[in-house]
Amino acid sequence: MSSASRLTAAELENYTQNGFLAVPRLLFSNDETEALKQRVIAVHQKVNPKFISLTGVHQYDPILLEWARRKEILDIVEQIIGPDIGLFSTTLFYKKAQTEADVDWHRDSEYLKAYNMFDNEIRLVSILVALTEDQPEQGCVEYIPASHLNPEMRDYRVEYGQKKMFVSDKGLADSLVNDEILSQRVPVPLHQGQFSLHDIHTLHGSEPNRSSQDRILLNFKYFPTSLKANREQVLQKHGIQQDLYLMRGRDLSGSCNL
């Protein structure tokens, strides 16, 4: 049984105020979730079983684009960014059991701005689908509520550790990761098949997976096609692994290639 539905008025208000939302219902049926999990595991094994994140996962299994186009997802995305929807990226997050890979506190928007991927104001919504259990001991995502509304949390440093989940040059400045900020952190655990949403400006990160079970998330990022994307910048940074796709409605800015 697939029990996903459009967000309620209360859920939309929660998302708008906090910049993230855990949805405690299944996005797809149990059988569909398991089938999707097996496809993703097959890609992970084929490409490199040591990878802990893989952008453009649909390039290795084009059927994943059809999952990104599912009505269950797009109906919810439409509530947030409107009826003209583009797909910016597909990413697999695969935290192996009992490993030390964590994710620095960061905003996805700062990465996009640093590489000039959009011409105007960045408005994207990010969906994380739990293909396994995703509990605190497995390093579930943690968020800072309302951080998407706080322009002061925009100071980033250029360094990273070898055990980080992302080999990235954009993490939140140490001066801003203080006890006051960390006291606000909210873990967002998910059961298999459940999902969460977050605003592209929301501050988030995660701890290592210290459990005995792998933790697998599939991430789709969507943008309103009224935003003008710099496709050359996107392709220069990511290559063919991250082209832009029209999922629903009209391509208002001409940014989508497919």
Protein backbone atom coordinates (compact mmCIF):
# COMPACT_ATOMS: atom_id res chain seq x y z
CA MET A 1 0.00 0.00 0.00
CA SER A 2 1.31 3.45 -0.91
CA SER A 3 0.29 5.95 1.74
CA ALA A 4 1.99 9.14 0.60
CA SER A 5 -0.32 12.10 0.12
CA ARG A 6 -0.10 15.83 -0.27
CA LEU A 7 1.15 17.76 2.73
CA THR A 8 -1.43 19.06 5.16
CA ALA A 9 -1.72 22.77 5.91
CA ALA A 10 -0.01 22.16 9.26
CA GLU A 11 2.86 20.29 7.60
CA LEU A 12 3.35 23.07 5.06
CA GLU A 13 3.43 25.65 7.83
CA ASN A 14 5.93 23.53 9.76
CA TYR A 15 8.16 23.27 6.68
CA THR A 16 7.94 27.00 5.99
CA GLN A 17 8.80 27.95 9.56
CA ASN A 18 11.53 25.40 10.27
CA GLY A 19 13.01 24.79 6.83
CA PHE A 20 12.64 21.02 7.07
CA LEU A 21 9.95 18.41 7.60
CA ALA A 22 9.94 14.71 8.43
CA VAL A 23 6.90 12.99 6.94
CA PRO A 24 5.90 9.98 9.08
CA ARG A 25 4.24 8.01 6.30
CA LEU A 26 5.45 5.89 3.43
CA LEU A 27 6.28 7.56 0.15
CA PHE A 28 5.94 4.30 -1.79
CA SER A 29 4.59 0.87 -0.89
CA ASN A 30 6.84 -1.48 1.10
CA ASP A 31 7.40 -3.64 -1.98
CA GLU A 32 8.26 -0.63 -4.13
CA THR A 33 10.65 0.72 -1.52
CA GLU A 34 12.44 -2.62 -1.35
CA ALA A 35 12.66 -2.79 -5.14
CA LEU A 36 14.11 0.72 -5.26
CA LYS A 37 16.59 -0.19 -2.54
CA GLN A 38 17.81 -3.20 -4.52
CA ARG A 39 18.28 -1.10 -7.67
CA VAL A 40 20.32 1.44 -5.72
CA ILE A 41 22.44 -1.26 -4.06
CA ALA A 42 23.14 -2.76 -7.49
CA VAL A 43 24.38 0.62 -8.74
CA HIS A 44 26.53 1.06 -5.64
CA GLN A 45 28.14 -2.33 -6.11
CA LYS A 46 28.66 -1.75 -9.82
CA VAL A 47 30.19 1.71 -9.61
CA ASN A 48 32.25 1.45 -6.43
CA PRO A 49 31.11 -0.19 -3.17
CA LYS A 50 33.44 2.15 -1.27
CA PHE A 51 31.55 5.26 -2.36
CA ILE A 52 29.60 6.98 0.38
CA SER A 53 27.95 9.52 -1.90
CA LEU A 54 27.26 9.33 -5.62
CA THR A 55 25.78 12.24 -7.55
CA GLY A 56 24.01 11.45 -10.81
CA VAL A 57 23.05 7.97 -9.69
CA HIS A 58 20.40 7.88 -12.44
CA GLN A 59 23.16 7.83 -15.06
CA TYR A 60 23.92 4.28 -13.96
CA ASP A 61 20.27 3.23 -13.84
CA PRO A 62 17.98 5.49 -15.94
CA ILE A 63 14.90 3.93 -14.32
CA LEU A 64 15.70 6.07 -11.28
CA LEU A 65 14.60 9.12 -13.27
CA GLU A 66 11.13 7.60 -13.41
CA TRP A 67 11.15 7.35 -9.62
CA ALA A 68 12.07 11.03 -9.46
CA ARG A 69 9.06 11.70 -11.68
CA ARG A 70 6.60 9.81 -9.52
CA LYS A 71 3.33 11.59 -8.81
CA GLU A 72 3.68 10.90 -5.08
CA ILE A 73 6.78 13.10 -5.02
CA LEU A 74 5.86 15.77 -7.54
CA ASP A 75 2.50 16.51 -5.93
CA ILE A 76 4.35 17.41 -2.73
CA VAL A 77 7.10 19.33 -4.52
CA GLU A 78 4.44 21.34 -6.36
CA GLN A 79 3.00 22.48 -3.05
CA ILE A 80 6.36 24.04 -2.20
CA ILE A 81 7.80 25.42 -5.44
CA GLY A 82 4.84 25.49 -7.83
CA PRO A 83 3.70 23.47 -10.87
CA ASP A 84 6.73 24.00 -13.14
CA ILE A 85 9.32 21.61 -11.77
CA GLY A 86 12.86 20.76 -12.83
CA LEU A 87 15.11 18.04 -11.40
CA PHE A 88 18.51 19.39 -10.41
CA SER A 89 20.18 16.24 -9.09
CA THR A 90 19.90 12.66 -7.94
CA THR A 91 22.30 11.51 -5.24
CA LEU A 92 22.86 8.27 -3.36
CA PHE A 93 24.05 8.53 0.25
CA TYR A 94 25.43 5.22 1.48
CA LYS A 95 26.82 5.15 5.02
CA LYS A 96 28.32 1.77 5.72
CA ALA A 97 27.81 0.28 9.15
CA GLN A 98 30.37 1.12 11.83
CA THR A 99 32.23 3.75 9.83
CA GLU A 100 33.41 7.24 10.77
CA ALA A 101 32.10 9.21 7.78
CA ASP A 102 30.14 12.23 8.94
CA VAL A 103 28.78 15.35 7.23
CA ASP A 104 29.87 18.84 8.26
CA TRP A 105 27.21 21.40 9.06
CA HIS A 106 26.39 23.06 5.74
CA ARG A 107 23.78 24.64 3.51
CA ASP A 108 23.31 23.15 0.06
CA SER A 109 22.63 26.66 -1.27
CA GLU A 110 26.16 27.86 -0.50
CA TYR A 111 27.61 25.16 -2.73
CA LEU A 112 25.31 26.20 -5.57
CA LYS A 113 26.17 29.87 -5.11
CA ALA A 114 29.90 29.22 -4.88
CA TYR A 115 29.85 27.63 -8.32
CA ASN A 116 27.34 30.10 -9.80
CA MET A 117 24.85 27.43 -10.80
CA PHE A 118 21.82 29.75 -10.84
CA ASP A 119 21.48 33.36 -12.02
CA ASN A 120 18.83 34.47 -9.56
CA GLU A 121 17.60 33.63 -6.07
CA ILE A 122 18.10 29.96 -5.30
CA ARG A 123 14.88 28.17 -4.36
CA LEU A 124 15.15 24.40 -4.31
CA VAL A 125 13.60 21.67 -2.25
CA SER A 126 15.54 18.55 -1.31
CA ILE A 127 13.82 15.21 -0.67
CA LEU A 128 15.50 12.35 1.18
CA VAL A 129 13.93 8.90 0.85
CA ALA A 130 15.00 6.37 3.49
CA LEU A 131 15.67 3.03 1.78
CA THR A 132 16.78 1.54 5.12
CA GLU A 133 16.18 2.50 8.71
CA ASP A 134 17.71 5.92 9.36
CA GLN A 135 17.96 6.38 13.11
CA PRO A 136 20.25 8.54 15.30
CA GLU A 137 22.70 5.68 15.84
CA GLN A 138 22.94 5.37 12.04
CA GLY A 139 23.79 9.03 11.60
CA CYS A 140 20.41 10.41 10.57
CA VAL A 141 20.30 13.97 9.29
CA GLU A 142 20.15 16.75 11.88
CA TYR A 143 18.81 20.23 11.20
CA ILE A 144 18.94 23.67 12.79
CA PRO A 145 15.33 24.94 12.82
CA ALA A 146 14.66 28.22 11.01
CA SER A 147 18.29 28.48 9.90
CA HIS A 148 17.06 29.01 6.33
CA LEU A 149 15.75 32.39 7.53
CA ASN A 150 18.99 33.46 9.24
CA PRO A 151 21.36 35.30 6.87
CA GLU A 152 24.11 35.45 9.51
CA MET A 153 24.88 31.73 9.19
CA ARG A 154 26.63 32.22 5.86
CA ASP A 155 30.33 32.20 6.85
CA TYR A 156 32.02 29.18 5.31
CA ARG A 157 35.51 27.75 5.62
CA VAL A 158 37.65 26.04 3.01
CA GLU A 159 38.96 22.79 4.45
CA TYR A 160 37.78 19.26 5.00
CA GLY A 161 38.78 16.11 6.82
CA GLN A 162 39.69 12.80 5.25
CA LYS A 163 36.86 11.05 7.06
CA LYS A 164 34.17 13.42 5.87
CA MET A 165 31.33 12.00 3.86
CA PHE A 166 31.84 14.61 1.16
CA VAL A 167 35.16 15.64 -0.34
CA SER A 168 33.87 19.20 -0.39
CA ASP A 169 35.30 22.64 0.23
CA LYS A 170 32.17 24.11 1.78
CA GLY A 171 31.53 23.56 5.47
CA LEU A 172 30.19 25.95 8.07
CA ALA A 173 32.85 28.08 9.71
CA ASP A 174 34.07 26.75 13.05
CA SER A 175 33.31 30.12 14.62
CA LEU A 176 29.61 29.57 13.94
CA VAL A 177 29.39 25.96 15.15
CA ASN A 178 29.08 26.81 18.81
CA ASP A 179 27.17 25.41 21.77
CA GLU A 180 24.26 27.75 21.16
CA ILE A 181 23.84 26.51 17.61
CA LEU A 182 24.37 22.86 18.47
CA SER A 183 21.84 23.05 21.28
CA GLN A 184 19.19 23.73 18.63
CA ARG A 185 19.99 20.68 16.50
CA VAL A 186 17.05 18.40 15.75
CA PRO A 187 17.69 14.80 14.65
CA VAL A 188 15.21 13.60 12.02
CA PRO A 189 15.03 9.80 12.20
CA LEU A 190 13.14 7.96 9.47
CA HIS A 191 11.86 4.43 9.17
CA GLN A 192 12.41 2.59 5.91
CA GLY A 193 10.14 4.06 3.24
CA GLN A 194 9.56 7.36 5.01
CA PHE A 195 10.96 10.65 3.73
CA SER A 196 11.98 14.14 4.71
CA LEU A 197 12.11 17.51 2.96
CA HIS A 198 14.40 20.45 3.51
CA ASP A 199 14.84 23.92 2.10
CA ILE A 200 18.08 24.38 0.20
CA HIS A 201 19.13 27.10 2.69
CA THR A 202 18.59 25.02 5.84
CA LEU A 203 21.66 24.22 7.92
CA HIS A 204 22.15 20.48 8.36
CA GLY A 205 24.70 17.74 8.94
CA SER A 206 24.98 14.23 10.33
CA GLU A 207 27.05 12.01 12.60
CA PRO A 208 28.82 8.75 11.63
CA ASN A 209 26.93 5.47 11.32
CA ARG A 210 27.99 3.61 14.44
CA SER A 211 25.29 0.96 14.13
CA SER A 212 25.61 -2.55 12.71
CA GLN A 213 23.34 -1.75 9.74
CA ASP A 214 24.09 0.18 6.55
CA ARG A 215 22.15 3.41 6.10
CA ILE A 216 20.96 4.26 2.57
CA LEU A 217 19.22 7.46 1.46
CA LEU A 218 18.19 8.51 -2.04
CA ASN A 219 18.12 12.27 -2.60
CA PHE A 220 16.24 14.25 -5.26
CA LYS A 221 16.65 18.03 -5.55
CA TYR A 222 14.00 20.00 -7.45
CA PHE A 223 13.86 23.61 -8.61
CA PRO A 224 11.12 25.85 -10.03
CA THR A 225 11.85 26.28 -13.73
CA SER A 226 11.37 30.02 -13.35
CA LEU A 227 14.95 29.95 -12.00
CA LYS A 228 17.59 30.34 -14.67
CA ALA A 229 20.24 27.66 -14.25
CA ASN A 230 23.74 28.03 -15.67
CA ARG A 231 23.92 24.68 -17.41
CA GLU A 232 27.52 25.23 -18.46
CA GLN A 233 28.51 25.67 -14.82
CA VAL A 234 26.52 22.61 -13.78
CA LEU A 235 28.08 20.45 -16.47
CA GLN A 236 31.56 21.84 -15.87
CA LYS A 237 31.38 20.91 -12.19
CA HIS A 238 29.52 17.61 -12.48
CA GLY A 239 29.73 16.55 -16.11
CA ILE A 240 26.91 14.52 -17.58
CA GLN A 241 26.21 13.09 -14.12
CA GLN A 242 24.05 16.13 -13.34
CA ASP A 243 22.00 17.44 -16.23
CA LEU A 244 18.70 19.24 -15.68
CA TYR A 245 15.37 17.57 -16.43
CA LEU A 246 11.83 18.89 -16.78
CA MET A 247 9.67 16.83 -14.44
CA ARG A 248 6.31 18.62 -14.64
CA GLY A 249 4.77 21.70 -16.25
CA ARG A 250 6.73 24.13 -18.43
CA ASP A 251 10.42 24.95 -18.73
CA LEU A 252 9.94 28.66 -18.07
CA SER A 253 13.63 29.64 -18.16
CA GLY A 254 14.83 27.20 -20.81
CA SER A 255 17.20 25.64 -18.29
CA CYS A 256 16.25 22.00 -18.74
CA ASN A 257 17.99 19.91 -21.34
CA LEU A 258 15.71 16.88 -21.23
